[in-house]
N, C-alpha and C. Protein backbone atom coordinates (compact mmCIF):
# COMPACT_ATOMS: atom_id res chain seq x y z
N UNK A 1 -14.20 14.48 -11.28
CA UNK A 1 -13.14 13.29 -11.19
C UNK A 1 -14.27 11.32 -11.05
N UNK A 2 -13.71 10.85 -12.14
CA UNK A 2 -14.47 9.35 -12.39
C UNK A 2 -12.96 8.55 -12.67
N UNK A 3 -14.42 7.50 -12.27
CA UNK A 3 -13.50 6.27 -11.80
C UNK A 3 -13.10 5.88 -10.66
N UNK A 4 -12.75 4.72 -9.85
CA UNK A 4 -12.33 4.49 -8.86
C UNK A 4 -10.59 5.34 -8.25
N UNK A 5 -10.05 5.39 -7.25
CA UNK A 5 -9.39 6.73 -7.18
C UNK A 5 -8.81 5.95 -5.46
N UNK A 6 -7.31 5.79 -5.15
CA UNK A 6 -6.99 5.28 -4.46
C UNK A 6 -6.06 6.70 -4.21
N UNK A 7 -5.38 6.41 -2.67
CA UNK A 7 -3.93 7.70 -2.28
C UNK A 7 -3.53 6.55 -0.96
N UNK A 8 -2.09 7.35 -1.56
CA UNK A 8 -1.83 5.89 -0.36
C UNK A 8 0.26 6.45 0.05
N UNK A 9 0.21 5.72 1.51
CA UNK A 9 2.09 6.34 1.04
C UNK A 9 2.41 5.57 1.19
N UNK A 10 3.78 5.50 0.60
CA UNK A 10 5.08 4.21 0.11
C UNK A 10 5.98 4.72 1.89
N UNK A 11 6.50 4.60 2.68
CA UNK A 11 6.97 4.38 3.37
C UNK A 11 8.75 3.64 3.24
N UNK A 12 9.69 5.29 3.45
CA UNK A 12 10.77 4.45 2.84
C UNK A 12 11.41 4.20 3.64
N UNK A 13 13.30 4.06 4.06
CA UNK A 13 14.19 3.83 5.04
C UNK A 13 15.50 4.07 4.18
N UNK A 14 16.78 4.08 4.39
CA UNK A 14 18.11 4.63 3.83
C UNK A 14 18.49 3.45 5.13
N UNK A 15 18.98 2.26 4.64
CA UNK A 15 20.38 1.24 5.24
C UNK A 15 21.29 1.83 4.41
N UNK A 16 22.14 0.63 5.10
CA UNK A 16 23.44 0.64 4.67
C UNK A 16 23.18 -0.92 3.76
N UNK A 17 22.58 -1.52 3.64
CA UNK A 17 23.00 -1.95 1.94
C UNK A 17 21.21 -0.89 0.59
N UNK A 18 21.69 -0.05 1.21
CA UNK A 18 19.97 0.81 0.18
C UNK A 18 18.98 1.29 0.30
N UNK A 19 18.07 1.26 0.31
CA UNK A 19 16.82 1.56 0.29
C UNK A 19 15.60 0.70 0.56
N UNK A 20 14.86 1.13 1.46
CA UNK A 20 14.17 -0.45 2.57
C UNK A 20 13.08 0.37 2.33
N UNK A 21 11.68 -0.33 0.76
CA UNK A 21 10.22 0.35 1.02
C UNK A 21 9.27 -0.83 2.48
N UNK A 22 8.43 -0.18 2.94
CA UNK A 22 7.98 -0.92 3.61
C UNK A 22 6.06 -1.27 2.94
N UNK A 23 5.94 -2.64 2.24
CA UNK A 23 4.89 -3.05 1.17
C UNK A 23 4.33 -4.43 2.53
N UNK A 24 3.12 -3.43 2.44
CA UNK A 24 1.75 -4.99 2.76
C UNK A 24 0.86 -5.97 2.39
N UNK A 25 1.62 -7.14 2.34
CA UNK A 25 0.23 -8.72 1.43
C UNK A 25 -1.17 -7.67 2.01
N UNK A 26 -1.22 -8.27 0.31
CA UNK A 26 -3.30 -7.35 0.47
C UNK A 26 -3.92 -9.27 1.46
N UNK A 27 -4.04 -8.54 2.04
CA UNK A 27 -5.31 -9.49 2.95
C UNK A 27 -6.96 -10.50 1.84
N UNK A 28 -6.97 -11.27 2.96
CA UNK A 28 -8.77 -11.72 2.58
C UNK A 28 -8.09 -13.68 1.57
N UNK A 29 -8.90 -14.04 0.86
CA UNK A 29 -8.79 -15.83 0.70
C UNK A 29 -7.74 -15.29 -0.79
N UNK A 30 -8.55 -13.80 -1.63
CA UNK A 30 -8.16 -14.47 -2.82
C UNK A 30 -6.39 -14.66 -2.58
N UNK A 31 -5.45 -13.41 -2.30
CA UNK A 31 -4.12 -13.74 -1.91
C UNK A 31 -3.38 -13.92 -1.16
N UNK A 32 -4.48 -14.86 -0.25
CA UNK A 32 -3.30 -15.71 0.96
C UNK A 32 -1.96 -16.86 0.48
N UNK A 33 -2.44 -17.33 -1.10
CA UNK A 33 -1.32 -17.55 -1.08
C UNK A 33 -0.81 -17.50 -2.55
N UNK A 34 -0.41 -16.32 -2.80
CA UNK A 34 -0.42 -15.55 -3.83
C UNK A 34 0.97 -14.73 -2.81
N UNK A 35 2.44 -14.42 -3.52
CA UNK A 35 3.37 -13.56 -3.35
C UNK A 35 3.93 -12.80 -3.94
N UNK A 36 4.51 -12.77 -5.67
CA UNK A 36 4.80 -12.13 -6.68
C UNK A 36 2.83 -11.86 -6.83
N UNK A 37 2.75 -9.85 -6.52
CA UNK A 37 2.03 -9.46 -7.00
C UNK A 37 0.99 -8.75 -6.48
N UNK A 38 1.02 -9.21 -5.10
CA UNK A 38 0.41 -9.30 -3.66
C UNK A 38 0.64 -8.25 -2.66
N UNK A 39 1.95 -8.01 -3.10
CA UNK A 39 1.55 -6.67 -1.33
C UNK A 39 2.10 -5.78 -2.42
N UNK A 40 1.19 -4.51 -2.28
CA UNK A 40 0.96 -3.49 -1.90
C UNK A 40 1.14 -2.03 -0.96
N UNK A 41 1.90 -1.28 -1.62
CA UNK A 41 2.42 0.40 -0.56
C UNK A 41 0.68 -0.65 -0.19
N UNK A 42 0.95 0.88 0.49
CA UNK A 42 -1.38 0.98 2.38
C UNK A 42 -1.69 2.40 0.52
N UNK A 43 -3.00 1.82 0.92
CA UNK A 43 -3.67 2.71 0.27
C UNK A 43 -4.85 2.30 0.50
N UNK A 44 -6.11 3.31 -0.19
CA UNK A 44 -6.85 3.18 -0.85
C UNK A 44 -7.70 3.71 -1.00
N UNK A 45 -9.49 3.08 -0.58
CA UNK A 45 -9.90 3.90 -2.54
C UNK A 45 -10.36 5.83 -1.52
N UNK A 46 -11.05 6.50 -2.11
CA UNK A 46 -11.02 7.50 -2.14
C UNK A 46 -12.37 8.52 -2.67
N UNK A 47 -12.69 9.24 -1.49
CA UNK A 47 -14.06 10.32 -2.94
C UNK A 47 -13.69 11.45 -3.42
N UNK A 48 -14.38 11.88 -4.41
CA UNK A 48 -14.15 13.18 -4.72
C UNK A 48 -13.92 13.97 -3.81
N UNK A 49 -14.49 14.61 -3.39
CA UNK A 49 -14.42 15.89 -1.92
C UNK A 49 -13.63 15.27 -1.42
N UNK A 50 -12.26 14.33 -0.90
CA UNK A 50 -11.62 14.27 0.11
C UNK A 50 -9.96 14.91 -0.85
N UNK A 51 -9.72 15.49 -0.67
CA UNK A 51 -8.33 15.69 -1.10
C UNK A 51 -7.24 13.93 -0.48
N UNK A 52 -6.56 14.08 -2.19
CA UNK A 52 -5.96 12.58 -2.27
C UNK A 52 -5.07 12.91 -0.81
N UNK A 53 -3.93 14.03 -0.82
CA UNK A 53 -2.93 13.87 0.56
C UNK A 53 -3.97 13.30 1.92
N UNK A 54 -5.19 14.30 2.52
CA UNK A 54 -4.87 13.53 3.02
C UNK A 54 -6.32 12.02 3.18
N UNK A 55 -6.38 11.84 1.66
CA UNK A 55 -6.77 9.73 1.51
C UNK A 55 -5.62 9.24 2.17
N UNK A 56 -4.59 9.96 1.74
CA UNK A 56 -3.20 8.91 1.92
C UNK A 56 -2.61 8.58 3.03
N UNK A 57 -2.10 9.62 3.97
CA UNK A 57 -2.60 9.15 5.75
C UNK A 57 -3.79 8.87 6.58
N UNK A 58 -4.89 9.12 5.90
CA UNK A 58 -5.78 8.14 6.70
C UNK A 58 -5.82 6.63 6.58
N UNK A 59 -5.71 6.81 5.03
CA UNK A 59 -5.91 5.30 4.88
C UNK A 59 -4.08 4.03 5.66
N UNK A 60 -2.85 4.85 5.03
CA UNK A 60 -1.89 4.22 6.16
C UNK A 60 -2.63 4.30 7.66
N UNK A 61 -3.90 4.82 7.96
CA UNK A 61 -3.22 4.39 9.45
C UNK A 61 -5.01 3.22 9.69
N UNK A 62 -5.55 3.28 8.81
CA UNK A 62 -6.18 2.51 9.16
C UNK A 62 -6.09 1.19 8.44
N UNK A 63 -5.46 0.86 7.53
CA UNK A 63 -4.82 -0.15 6.91
C UNK A 63 -3.12 -0.39 7.88
N UNK A 64 -2.53 0.01 8.79
CA UNK A 64 -1.82 0.12 9.22
C UNK A 64 -2.44 -0.18 10.56
N UNK A 65 -2.84 0.61 11.22
CA UNK A 65 -3.06 0.74 11.99
C UNK A 65 -1.61 1.04 13.51
N UNK A 66 -1.52 2.56 12.58
CA UNK A 66 -0.36 3.68 13.70
C UNK A 66 -0.62 4.33 12.80
N UNK A 67 0.20 6.04 13.29
CA UNK A 67 -0.45 7.20 12.78
C UNK A 67 1.55 6.85 11.55
N UNK A 68 0.60 7.92 10.48
CA UNK A 68 2.06 7.52 9.91
C UNK A 68 2.72 8.44 9.98
N UNK A 69 3.97 9.11 9.67
CA UNK A 69 5.22 9.05 9.53
C UNK A 69 4.81 10.99 9.76
N UNK A 70 5.66 11.76 10.17
CA UNK A 70 5.15 13.74 9.38
C UNK A 70 6.52 13.50 8.87
N UNK A 71 6.53 13.30 7.64
CA UNK A 71 8.02 13.85 6.54
C UNK A 71 8.00 15.10 5.61
N UNK A 72 8.67 15.42 5.27
CA UNK A 72 8.46 15.86 3.52
C UNK A 72 7.65 15.00 2.69
N UNK A 73 7.11 14.92 2.06
CA UNK A 73 6.31 14.24 1.20
C UNK A 73 6.47 13.85 -0.34
N UNK A 74 7.47 12.60 -0.51
CA UNK A 74 7.46 12.95 -2.51
C UNK A 74 6.20 12.56 -3.38
N UNK A 75 6.51 13.86 -3.69
CA UNK A 75 5.28 13.10 -4.34
C UNK A 75 5.48 11.87 -5.62
N UNK A 76 5.08 11.10 -5.51
CA UNK A 76 5.48 9.78 -6.94
C UNK A 76 4.13 9.89 -7.58
N UNK A 77 3.53 10.38 -8.20
CA UNK A 77 2.64 10.60 -9.10
C UNK A 77 1.56 9.51 -8.93
N UNK A 78 0.91 9.71 -9.99
CA UNK A 78 -0.34 7.92 -9.88
C UNK A 78 0.39 7.24 -11.39
N UNK A 79 -0.88 6.48 -11.02
CA UNK A 79 -0.71 5.14 -12.28
C UNK A 79 -2.01 4.42 -12.65
N UNK A 80 -2.47 3.74 -13.44
CA UNK A 80 -3.40 3.02 -13.33
C UNK A 80 -2.69 0.99 -13.50
N UNK A 81 -4.23 0.91 -12.65
CA UNK A 81 -3.24 -0.45 -12.75
C UNK A 81 -4.74 -1.23 -13.96
N UNK A 82 -4.05 -2.67 -13.18
CA UNK A 82 -5.24 -3.93 -14.03
C UNK A 82 -6.37 -3.34 -14.00
N UNK A 83 -7.03 -3.42 -13.50
CA UNK A 83 -8.63 -3.58 -13.10
C UNK A 83 -9.43 -2.07 -13.36
N UNK A 84 -7.91 -1.02 -13.94
CA UNK A 84 -8.78 0.85 -14.28
C UNK A 84 -8.23 1.83 -13.16
N UNK A 85 -8.38 1.40 -11.43
CA UNK A 85 -7.99 2.03 -10.21
C UNK A 85 -6.96 2.60 -10.93
N UNK A 86 -6.92 4.28 -10.75
CA UNK A 86 -6.46 5.40 -10.35
C UNK A 86 -5.09 5.60 -8.85
N UNK A 87 -4.18 4.90 -8.81
CA UNK A 87 -3.44 5.35 -7.75
C UNK A 87 -2.28 6.77 -7.76
N UNK A 88 -2.22 7.75 -6.17
CA UNK A 88 -1.78 8.41 -5.94
C UNK A 88 -1.20 8.06 -5.37
N UNK A 89 0.69 8.41 -5.19
CA UNK A 89 1.30 7.47 -3.86
C UNK A 89 2.38 8.58 -3.78
N UNK A 90 2.45 8.96 -2.39
CA UNK A 90 3.34 9.75 -1.95
C UNK A 90 4.57 8.95 -1.37
N UNK A 91 5.92 9.44 -0.95
CA UNK A 91 7.13 8.56 -0.48
C UNK A 91 7.19 9.47 1.12
N UNK A 92 7.10 8.97 1.67
CA UNK A 92 7.82 9.30 2.73
C UNK A 92 8.68 8.71 3.67
N UNK A 93 10.10 9.78 4.35
CA UNK A 93 10.94 8.23 4.58
C UNK A 93 10.36 8.65 6.68
N UNK A 94 10.62 7.34 6.84
CA UNK A 94 10.59 6.59 8.71
C UNK A 94 11.25 5.54 8.72
N UNK A 95 10.43 5.32 9.79
CA UNK A 95 11.28 3.80 10.08
C UNK A 95 9.89 3.00 10.46
N UNK A 96 9.80 1.82 10.98
CA UNK A 96 7.98 1.62 11.40
C UNK A 96 8.36 -0.57 11.85
N UNK A 97 7.74 -0.99 12.69
CA UNK A 97 8.36 -1.51 12.96
C UNK A 97 7.90 -2.94 12.50
N UNK A 98 6.99 -3.66 11.66
CA UNK A 98 6.09 -4.23 10.93
C UNK A 98 5.43 -5.02 12.54
N UNK A 99 6.01 -4.51 13.36
CA UNK A 99 5.20 -6.01 13.89
C UNK A 99 4.66 -4.62 15.05
N UNK A 100 4.52 -3.91 14.80
CA UNK A 100 3.42 -2.22 15.56
C UNK A 100 1.94 -2.71 14.99
N UNK A 101 2.27 -3.14 14.02
CA UNK A 101 0.94 -3.44 12.97
C UNK A 101 -0.41 -3.63 13.30
N UNK A 102 -1.47 -3.24 13.85
CA UNK A 102 -3.18 -3.81 14.16
C UNK A 102 -3.68 -3.27 12.44
N UNK A 103 -3.98 -3.87 11.46
CA UNK A 103 -4.30 -3.49 10.34
C UNK A 103 -5.92 -3.64 11.02
N UNK A 104 -6.22 -2.87 10.21
CA UNK A 104 -8.07 -2.70 9.65
C UNK A 104 -7.70 -4.39 9.35
N UNK A 105 -9.05 -4.43 9.03
CA UNK A 105 -10.17 -5.26 8.19
C UNK A 105 -11.46 -5.18 7.84
N UNK A 106 -12.01 -5.22 6.45
CA UNK A 106 -12.81 -5.56 6.03
C UNK A 106 -13.52 -7.04 6.47
N UNK A 107 -14.98 -7.17 5.04
CA UNK A 107 -15.75 -8.39 5.90
C UNK A 107 -16.80 -8.45 4.61
N UNK A 108 -16.69 -9.96 3.75
CA UNK A 108 -17.55 -9.94 2.35
C UNK A 108 -17.49 -11.50 2.83
N UNK A 109 -18.92 -11.70 1.74
CA UNK A 109 -19.61 -13.01 1.68
C UNK A 109 -18.11 -14.34 1.84
N UNK A 110 -18.15 -14.72 2.45
CA UNK A 110 -17.24 -16.57 1.85
C UNK A 110 -17.25 -18.00 2.92
N UNK A 111 -17.34 -18.44 2.08
CA UNK A 111 -16.62 -19.36 0.54
C UNK A 111 -18.06 -18.18 0.24
N UNK A 112 -17.60 -18.05 -1.63
CA UNK A 112 -18.95 -17.59 -2.57
C UNK A 112 -19.93 -17.81 -2.39
N UNK A 113 -21.22 -17.01 -2.17
CA UNK A 113 -22.86 -17.26 -2.34
C UNK A 113 -23.27 -17.90 -1.55
N UNK A 114 -22.34 -18.29 -0.43
CA UNK A 114 -22.64 -19.58 0.50
C UNK A 114 -23.56 -18.72 1.46
N UNK A 115 -23.58 -17.27 1.10
CA UNK A 115 -24.44 -15.91 1.43
C UNK A 115 -23.91 -16.01 3.65
N UNK A 116 -22.27 -16.34 3.59
CA UNK A 116 -21.62 -16.09 5.30
C UNK A 116 -21.32 -15.10 4.64
N UNK A 117 -20.60 -14.15 5.94
CA UNK A 117 -19.74 -13.31 5.35
C UNK A 117 -18.77 -13.18 6.83
N UNK A 118 -17.15 -13.66 6.35
CA UNK A 118 -16.78 -13.29 7.66
C UNK A 118 -15.58 -11.80 7.58
N UNK A 119 -14.33 -12.10 8.95
CA UNK A 119 -14.21 -10.81 8.88
C UNK A 119 -12.53 -11.43 8.20
N UNK A 120 -11.84 -10.30 7.73
CA UNK A 120 -10.13 -10.11 6.96
C UNK A 120 -10.05 -8.61 7.24
N UNK A 121 -8.23 -9.56 7.48
CA UNK A 121 -7.68 -8.24 7.02
C UNK A 121 -6.59 -7.72 6.03
N UNK A 122 -7.18 -6.34 5.60
CA UNK A 122 -6.80 -5.28 5.05
C UNK A 122 -5.80 -5.20 4.21
N UNK A 123 -5.21 -6.24 5.29
CA UNK A 123 -2.90 -6.56 5.60
C UNK A 123 -3.33 -7.33 5.73
N UNK A 124 -2.28 -9.16 5.45
CA UNK A 124 -2.38 -10.04 6.17
C UNK A 124 -0.45 -9.71 6.72
N UNK A 125 0.77 -9.18 6.17
CA UNK A 125 1.51 -9.29 6.51
C UNK A 125 2.40 -7.40 5.72
N UNK A 126 3.03 -7.41 6.81
CA UNK A 126 3.85 -5.98 6.28
C UNK A 126 5.46 -6.68 6.48
N UNK A 127 6.23 -5.76 5.95
CA UNK A 127 7.42 -6.28 5.48
C UNK A 127 8.01 -4.82 4.83
N UNK A 128 9.36 -5.32 4.89
CA UNK A 128 10.39 -4.29 4.25
C UNK A 128 10.58 -4.80 3.26
N UNK A 129 11.90 -4.38 2.53
CA UNK A 129 11.69 -4.60 1.47
C UNK A 129 12.76 -4.43 0.80
N UNK A 130 14.13 -4.36 0.63
CA UNK A 130 14.53 -3.51 -0.87
C UNK A 130 14.67 -3.40 -1.77
N UNK A 131 14.58 -2.48 -3.08
CA UNK A 131 13.47 -1.55 -4.28
C UNK A 131 13.55 -3.01 -5.03
N UNK A 132 14.67 -3.29 -5.15
CA UNK A 132 15.21 -5.22 -6.26
C UNK A 132 13.44 -6.40 -5.70
N UNK A 133 13.59 -6.29 -4.57
CA UNK A 133 12.79 -7.58 -4.09
C UNK A 133 11.88 -7.00 -3.67
N UNK A 134 11.53 -5.73 -3.44
CA UNK A 134 9.91 -5.24 -3.81
C UNK A 134 9.53 -5.27 -5.52
N UNK A 135 9.87 -4.42 -6.33
CA UNK A 135 10.18 -5.00 -7.57
C UNK A 135 9.29 -6.34 -8.36
N UNK A 136 9.81 -7.69 -7.30
CA UNK A 136 9.56 -9.25 -7.48
C UNK A 136 7.65 -9.07 -6.72
N UNK A 137 7.44 -8.30 -6.49
CA UNK A 137 6.49 -8.71 -5.62
C UNK A 137 5.31 -8.61 -5.63
N UNK A 138 5.86 -6.43 -5.52
CA UNK A 138 4.39 -5.63 -5.55
C UNK A 138 3.03 -5.93 -7.19
N UNK A 139 2.41 -5.13 -6.39
CA UNK A 139 1.88 -5.02 -8.14
C UNK A 139 1.92 -4.67 -8.86
N UNK A 140 2.05 -5.39 -9.91
CA UNK A 140 2.86 -4.83 -11.25
C UNK A 140 3.23 -3.00 -11.54
N UNK A 141 1.91 -2.84 -11.64
CA UNK A 141 1.36 -0.78 -11.74
C UNK A 141 2.77 -0.43 -10.90
N UNK A 142 2.82 -1.13 -9.78
CA UNK A 142 2.54 -0.23 -8.26
C UNK A 142 5.13 -0.28 -8.47
N UNK A 143 5.09 -0.59 -9.38
CA UNK A 143 6.26 -0.85 -9.45
C UNK A 143 7.49 0.91 -10.53
N UNK A 144 6.05 1.03 -11.16
CA UNK A 144 6.70 2.56 -11.15
C UNK A 144 7.33 2.80 -10.01
N UNK A 145 6.81 3.63 -9.21
CA UNK A 145 6.32 3.86 -7.58
C UNK A 145 8.22 3.82 -6.87
N UNK A 146 7.86 2.73 -7.29
CA UNK A 146 9.54 1.87 -7.18
C UNK A 146 11.08 2.76 -7.42
N UNK A 147 10.07 3.18 -8.57
CA UNK A 147 11.78 3.70 -9.69
C UNK A 147 11.91 5.28 -9.63
N UNK A 148 10.00 5.93 -9.09
CA UNK A 148 10.50 7.07 -9.44
C UNK A 148 10.84 7.23 -7.13
N UNK A 149 10.38 6.79 -6.69
CA UNK A 149 11.71 6.59 -5.17
C UNK A 149 12.96 6.72 -5.85
N UNK A 150 13.81 5.60 -6.63
CA UNK A 150 15.11 5.58 -6.40
C UNK A 150 15.67 6.72 -7.23
N UNK A 151 15.60 7.05 -8.19
CA UNK A 151 15.08 8.89 -9.05
C UNK A 151 15.61 9.73 -7.69
N UNK A 152 14.80 9.89 -7.10
CA UNK A 152 14.42 11.23 -6.26
C UNK A 152 16.28 10.85 -5.20
N UNK A 153 15.70 9.39 -4.77
CA UNK A 153 16.44 9.83 -3.48
C UNK A 153 18.34 8.65 -3.44
N UNK A 154 18.76 9.05 -4.68
CA UNK A 154 20.74 8.79 -4.89
C UNK A 154 20.54 8.01 -4.25
């Protein structure tokens, strides 16, 4: 395996308004004031020796602080994001209260070149979106996952 790879789970539910997906707003100072393009499938990087499916479940747990649902995993394939990272995603039907999320954190130097480090949440907000609303805010390449989910779930 070459290049950076991430795996994730796209949680979805059926409502009277149609399909909704659970997305997370990327944490940290670079995305704090952004909305469009700053929401993502809960996902994370993994190493070559870890199966992508196991990484997707692990990252869901790490990013949201809750156990991923046990449901049928619908493979949504992979996309290549602008930065070159390949992202593989499965959709799983389930429900989750965004208020129950306890996101993991990461540490980075902030402000840049200050020599100080700060801790930030991996995802600073989580929410349910209809497919059209999700397309308006999700990382551009990941919109393909929404289309694939819609094709799978009429």
